[in-house]
Amino acid sequence: MGEVNGMKNHWLVIAAVFAACCIGPISAQTDAEANATSNASITIKDQMIPGDGVVGTVTVEKVVSNGTGWVAIHNNLFGHPGGVIGYAPVKSGENQDVKVTVHTFVAADTLFAVLHHDFGKEGVFEYPVPDVEQRVDGEIVIVPFNATAENITLMNLTELCSKSATK
């Protein structure tokens, strides 16, 4: 009986992690903010994620932020940004070699770096609102990149969701 309850709890934890990671980005930006032009940008290369089986580090080569903000790493959900798996603060202007700790057990081979404002409580990442995505010419500042890892199992949520849907 204990083993059955343990299995139920195991699946409940997996379902909770899965549900949390499958929520995609939501934006509450106004039309004026969406149409604002700035020099915000992200430069990131495909990379090997060093770490262990739970957490690793993504390095964002360069972030130019329109005000204080955050660079968030999103997992891949059917080719689109899924849940946030890690984030780091950035100052206004140019930031070099920003290190972002990510949860590798919900990372996929393709990840997305997204630039967010720090509109809410200063120094607290409040996603999805009020710390909405920064935009340039109405487009979210987002850059996809490929991630590989040694000694880490990257759980591809796109494949996991597809398998769940076919059962």
Protein backbone atom coordinates (compact mmCIF):
# COMPACT_ATOMS: atom_id res chain seq x y z
CA MET A 1 0.00 0.00 0.00
CA GLY A 2 2.85 2.41 0.86
CA GLU A 3 4.44 1.81 -2.56
CA VAL A 4 1.17 2.68 -4.35
CA ASN A 5 0.82 5.95 -2.38
CA GLY A 6 4.48 6.72 -3.10
CA MET A 7 3.88 6.23 -6.84
CA LYS A 8 0.81 8.49 -6.70
CA ASN A 9 2.86 11.19 -4.98
CA HIS A 10 5.64 10.76 -7.54
CA TRP A 11 3.20 11.30 -10.42
CA LEU A 12 1.60 14.28 -8.65
CA VAL A 13 5.01 15.96 -8.39
CA ILE A 14 5.74 15.27 -12.06
CA ALA A 15 2.31 16.63 -13.05
CA ALA A 16 2.84 19.79 -10.99
CA VAL A 17 6.27 20.44 -12.53
CA PHE A 18 4.89 19.71 -15.99
CA ALA A 19 1.95 22.11 -15.51
CA ALA A 20 4.17 24.88 -14.17
CA CYS A 21 6.58 24.56 -17.08
CA CYS A 22 3.93 24.42 -19.78
CA ILE A 23 2.56 27.88 -19.06
CA GLY A 24 3.79 30.18 -21.81
CA PRO A 25 4.71 33.82 -21.55
CA ILE A 26 1.92 36.31 -21.06
CA SER A 27 2.34 39.99 -21.86
CA ALA A 28 0.36 42.84 -20.38
CA GLN A 29 2.14 45.63 -22.23
CA THR A 30 0.16 48.60 -23.41
CA ASP A 31 0.04 49.58 -27.08
CA ALA A 32 2.28 52.56 -26.35
CA GLU A 33 4.90 50.32 -24.72
CA ALA A 34 4.64 47.78 -27.53
CA ASN A 35 5.32 50.45 -30.15
CA ALA A 36 8.18 52.12 -28.29
CA THR A 37 11.56 51.95 -29.99
CA SER A 38 14.65 51.23 -27.92
CA ASN A 39 18.07 49.76 -28.37
CA ALA A 40 17.27 46.74 -26.20
CA SER A 41 18.92 43.53 -27.42
CA ILE A 42 20.29 40.12 -26.44
CA THR A 43 23.37 38.41 -27.82
CA ILE A 44 23.68 34.73 -26.93
CA LYS A 45 25.43 31.79 -28.57
CA ASP A 46 24.59 28.10 -28.66
CA GLN A 47 26.30 26.61 -25.65
CA MET A 48 27.10 23.74 -23.35
CA ILE A 49 25.35 24.14 -19.98
CA PRO A 50 27.71 23.30 -17.12
CA GLY A 51 26.10 22.05 -13.91
CA ASP A 52 24.59 18.97 -12.36
CA GLY A 53 21.35 17.09 -12.98
CA VAL A 54 19.24 19.80 -11.34
CA VAL A 55 20.78 23.22 -12.04
CA GLY A 56 23.19 24.62 -14.58
CA THR A 57 24.42 27.98 -15.83
CA VAL A 58 23.57 29.71 -19.09
CA THR A 59 25.83 32.61 -20.12
CA VAL A 60 24.23 35.47 -22.03
CA GLU A 61 27.05 37.15 -23.91
CA LYS A 62 25.53 40.65 -24.02
CA VAL A 63 22.29 42.28 -22.88
CA VAL A 64 21.35 45.87 -23.67
CA SER A 65 18.40 46.82 -21.46
CA ASN A 66 16.07 49.79 -21.70
CA GLY A 67 16.07 50.46 -17.93
CA THR A 68 16.71 47.95 -15.16
CA GLY A 69 15.33 44.57 -15.98
CA TRP A 70 15.77 40.84 -16.19
CA VAL A 71 17.03 38.34 -18.71
CA ALA A 72 14.87 35.24 -18.41
CA ILE A 73 15.52 31.82 -19.93
CA HIS A 74 12.39 30.02 -21.13
CA ASN A 75 12.14 26.35 -22.04
CA ASN A 76 10.84 25.15 -25.41
CA LEU A 77 7.20 24.22 -25.73
CA PHE A 78 6.26 23.16 -29.27
CA GLY A 79 8.79 25.58 -30.78
CA HIS A 80 7.64 28.54 -28.66
CA PRO A 81 8.77 29.90 -25.30
CA GLY A 82 7.37 27.91 -22.42
CA GLY A 83 7.87 28.48 -18.71
CA VAL A 84 10.72 30.45 -17.15
CA ILE A 85 13.49 28.10 -16.01
CA GLY A 86 15.88 30.80 -14.75
CA TYR A 87 16.46 34.56 -14.67
CA ALA A 88 19.06 37.14 -13.70
CA PRO A 89 18.93 40.91 -13.13
CA VAL A 90 20.40 43.36 -15.65
CA LYS A 91 21.16 47.05 -15.23
CA SER A 92 20.09 49.74 -17.63
CA GLY A 93 22.36 49.85 -20.67
CA GLU A 94 24.96 47.26 -21.63
CA ASN A 95 25.58 44.11 -19.57
CA GLN A 96 28.33 41.59 -20.43
CA ASP A 97 28.49 37.85 -19.68
CA VAL A 98 25.29 37.61 -17.63
CA LYS A 99 25.14 34.27 -15.78
CA VAL A 100 21.68 32.73 -15.42
CA THR A 101 21.11 29.71 -13.18
CA VAL A 102 18.55 27.43 -14.82
CA HIS A 103 16.64 24.34 -13.76
CA THR A 104 18.07 21.77 -16.16
CA PHE A 105 15.44 19.11 -15.52
CA VAL A 106 12.89 21.21 -17.46
CA ALA A 107 15.26 22.54 -20.12
CA ALA A 108 14.99 21.47 -23.75
CA ASP A 109 17.51 21.47 -26.55
CA THR A 110 16.25 24.86 -27.77
CA LEU A 111 15.88 27.56 -25.14
CA PHE A 112 14.81 31.21 -25.40
CA ALA A 113 16.47 34.25 -23.81
CA VAL A 114 13.87 36.99 -23.21
CA LEU A 115 14.46 40.52 -21.91
CA HIS A 116 12.00 41.81 -19.29
CA HIS A 117 11.46 45.16 -17.57
CA ASP A 118 11.67 45.53 -13.79
CA PHE A 119 8.38 47.45 -13.48
CA GLY A 120 7.12 46.05 -10.18
CA LYS A 121 8.91 45.79 -6.87
CA GLU A 122 12.52 46.75 -7.58
CA GLY A 123 14.85 43.76 -7.57
CA VAL A 124 12.04 41.16 -7.52
CA PHE A 125 11.25 39.20 -10.69
CA GLU A 126 7.45 39.38 -11.00
CA TYR A 127 6.52 37.41 -14.08
CA PRO A 128 4.27 37.53 -16.07
CA VAL A 129 3.14 40.93 -14.76
CA PRO A 130 4.23 43.59 -13.99
CA ASP A 131 7.74 42.65 -15.26
CA VAL A 132 6.62 42.31 -18.87
CA GLU A 133 8.86 41.70 -21.87
CA GLN A 134 10.85 44.57 -23.37
CA ARG A 135 10.05 45.34 -27.00
CA VAL A 136 11.78 46.94 -29.97
CA ASP A 137 9.50 48.19 -32.75
CA GLY A 138 6.61 46.27 -31.19
CA GLU A 139 8.49 42.93 -31.12
CA ILE A 140 9.51 41.13 -27.93
CA VAL A 141 13.28 41.04 -27.40
CA ILE A 142 13.77 37.27 -27.62
CA VAL A 143 16.58 35.10 -28.96
CA PRO A 144 16.38 31.29 -29.36
CA PHE A 145 19.57 29.29 -28.80
CA ASN A 146 20.58 25.64 -28.64
CA ALA A 147 21.76 24.13 -25.39
CA THR A 148 23.60 20.88 -24.80
CA ALA A 149 24.87 19.48 -21.54
CA GLU A 150 27.35 17.00 -20.15
CA ASN A 151 26.19 14.84 -17.25
CA ILE A 152 22.75 16.48 -17.39
CA THR A 153 19.56 15.00 -18.75
CA LEU A 154 17.66 17.75 -20.55
CA MET A 155 13.93 16.93 -20.43
CA ASN A 156 12.40 17.99 -23.74
CA LEU A 157 8.91 19.19 -22.81
CA THR A 158 7.79 19.32 -26.43
CA GLU A 159 8.42 15.58 -26.74
CA LEU A 160 6.94 14.91 -23.28
CA CYS A 161 3.75 16.86 -24.10
CA SER A 162 3.43 15.07 -27.47
CA LYS A 163 3.77 11.65 -25.81
CA SER A 164 1.15 12.57 -23.18
CA ALA A 165 -1.30 13.71 -25.86
CA THR A 166 -1.04 10.42 -27.78
CA LYS A 167 -1.79 8.23 -24.76
